[in-house]
Protein backbone atom coordinates (compact mmCIF):
# COMPACT_ATOMS: atom_id res chain seq x y z
CA VAL A 1 0.00 0.04 -0.12
CA GLN A 2 1.25 3.49 -0.96
CA LEU A 3 0.01 6.96 -0.59
CA VAL A 4 2.43 9.43 -2.31
CA GLU A 5 1.71 13.15 -1.75
CA SER A 6 3.04 15.77 -4.18
CA GLY A 7 2.53 19.38 -5.03
CA GLY A 8 3.79 21.06 -1.86
CA GLY A 9 6.32 23.93 -1.84
CA LEU A 10 6.85 27.62 -1.03
CA VAL A 11 4.06 30.15 -2.03
CA GLN A 12 3.35 33.62 -1.23
CA PRO A 13 0.40 34.71 0.95
CA GLY A 14 -2.80 34.91 -1.19
CA GLY A 15 -1.43 32.32 -3.56
CA SER A 16 -2.59 28.85 -4.44
CA LEU A 17 -1.38 25.25 -4.55
CA ARG A 18 -2.92 21.85 -5.60
CA LEU A 19 -1.82 18.95 -3.68
CA SER A 20 -2.15 15.44 -5.09
CA CYS A 21 -2.13 12.09 -3.30
CA ALA A 22 -1.65 8.95 -5.54
CA ALA A 23 -2.80 5.76 -3.98
CA SER A 24 -1.89 2.15 -4.84
CA GLY A 25 -2.21 -1.25 -3.30
CA PHE A 26 -5.85 -1.03 -2.13
CA THR A 27 -9.31 -0.51 -3.69
CA PHE A 28 -9.29 3.27 -3.70
CA SER A 29 -12.92 3.89 -4.16
CA ARG A 30 -13.90 2.01 -0.94
CA TYR A 31 -12.00 4.47 1.19
CA GLY A 32 -12.80 7.76 2.55
CA MET A 33 -9.95 10.03 1.94
CA SER A 34 -8.68 12.97 3.99
CA TRP A 35 -5.96 15.74 4.25
CA TYR A 36 -4.37 16.40 7.55
CA ARG A 37 -1.79 18.87 8.43
CA GLN A 38 0.67 19.27 11.20
CA THR A 39 3.17 21.85 12.49
CA PRO A 40 5.94 21.26 14.93
CA GLY A 41 4.78 20.82 18.52
CA LYS A 42 1.11 20.61 17.55
CA GLU A 43 -1.21 17.61 16.98
CA ARG A 44 -2.16 16.52 13.48
CA GLU A 45 -5.17 18.58 12.32
CA LEU A 46 -7.94 17.30 10.05
CA VAL A 47 -8.24 19.69 7.07
CA ALA A 48 -10.82 18.15 4.74
CA THR A 49 -12.42 14.72 4.04
CA ILE A 50 -14.23 13.22 1.07
CA SER A 51 -16.45 10.03 0.82
CA GLY A 52 -15.55 7.06 -1.44
CA THR A 53 -17.82 8.25 -4.16
CA GLY A 54 -16.92 11.84 -3.66
CA GLY A 55 -20.39 12.92 -2.91
CA ILE A 56 -19.77 14.08 0.62
CA THR A 57 -17.11 16.50 1.67
CA ASN A 58 -16.25 18.11 4.98
CA TYR A 59 -13.78 20.94 5.96
CA ALA A 60 -12.21 22.41 8.98
CA ASN A 61 -13.68 25.91 9.75
CA SER A 62 -10.25 27.37 9.29
CA VAL A 63 -10.21 26.36 5.47
CA LYS A 64 -13.81 26.53 4.50
CA GLY A 65 -14.20 28.63 1.47
CA ARG A 66 -10.61 28.53 0.54
CA PHE A 67 -9.83 24.87 0.15
CA SER A 68 -11.41 22.20 -1.87
CA ILE A 69 -10.98 18.38 -1.80
CA SER A 70 -11.74 16.29 -4.71
CA ARG A 71 -11.03 12.76 -5.97
CA ASP A 72 -10.63 10.82 -9.18
CA ASN A 73 -11.35 7.18 -8.61
CA ALA A 74 -10.26 6.27 -12.10
CA LYS A 75 -6.86 7.65 -11.27
CA ASN A 76 -6.71 6.60 -7.78
CA THR A 77 -5.94 10.15 -6.71
CA VAL A 78 -7.20 12.68 -4.23
CA TYR A 79 -6.59 16.39 -4.51
CA LEU A 80 -6.59 19.42 -2.19
CA ARG A 81 -6.90 22.78 -3.99
CA MET A 82 -5.77 25.48 -1.65
CA ASN A 83 -6.63 29.09 -2.41
CA SER A 84 -5.97 32.39 -0.66
CA LEU A 85 -3.30 30.77 1.36
CA LYS A 86 -2.26 32.28 4.65
CA PRO A 87 1.02 31.97 6.64
CA GLU A 88 -0.89 29.93 9.21
CA ASP A 89 -1.54 27.28 6.55
CA THR A 90 2.10 26.47 6.63
CA ALA A 91 2.48 22.81 7.67
CA VAL A 92 3.24 19.33 6.51
CA TYR A 93 0.20 18.01 4.78
CA TYR A 94 -0.72 14.30 4.98
CA CYS A 95 -2.91 12.12 2.88
CA TYR A 96 -5.05 9.63 4.83
CA ALA A 97 -7.15 6.68 3.71
CA ARG A 98 -9.66 5.06 5.91
CA ARG A 99 -12.25 2.27 5.48
CA SER A 100 -12.53 1.38 9.11
CA TYR A 101 -10.84 1.75 12.52
CA TYR A 102 -8.33 -1.04 11.61
CA ASP A 103 -7.99 -0.41 7.91
CA ASP A 104 -6.35 2.84 7.38
CA TYR A 105 -3.03 4.26 5.80
CA TRP A 106 -1.00 7.44 5.90
CA GLY A 107 1.20 9.12 3.40
CA GLN A 108 4.55 10.45 4.03
CA GLY A 109 3.60 14.07 3.96
CA THR A 110 4.56 17.19 1.83
CA GLN A 111 5.56 20.45 2.99
CA VAL A 112 3.59 23.64 2.31
CA THR A 113 5.20 26.86 3.29
CA VAL A 114 3.31 30.14 2.94
CA SER A 115 5.69 33.13 3.22
CA SER A 116 6.64 36.33 1.43
């Protein structure tokens, strides 16, 4: 099983990035997918989640209206579109797949830095 994130980097405040997470080794469409983020010394924070079919999405209040999660089950990929980025969005972003409490996987993370 692999979850490989990409698309992170350095961006100025107000800018945009799109993160991708390519999945392999499991039946992607059967898993809810999420993006989490973490900064040093803090707990990992749920950013957004999407159901297996893509019909249901949820967002942390801090990113509502700015971030958008989507998935392409034909490509086994989940995306996180991030607009109007703020310095406080700086974190390592992780992809997470979950089908049940005992059936879940994490990616290795990708760094997003928002700074002028």
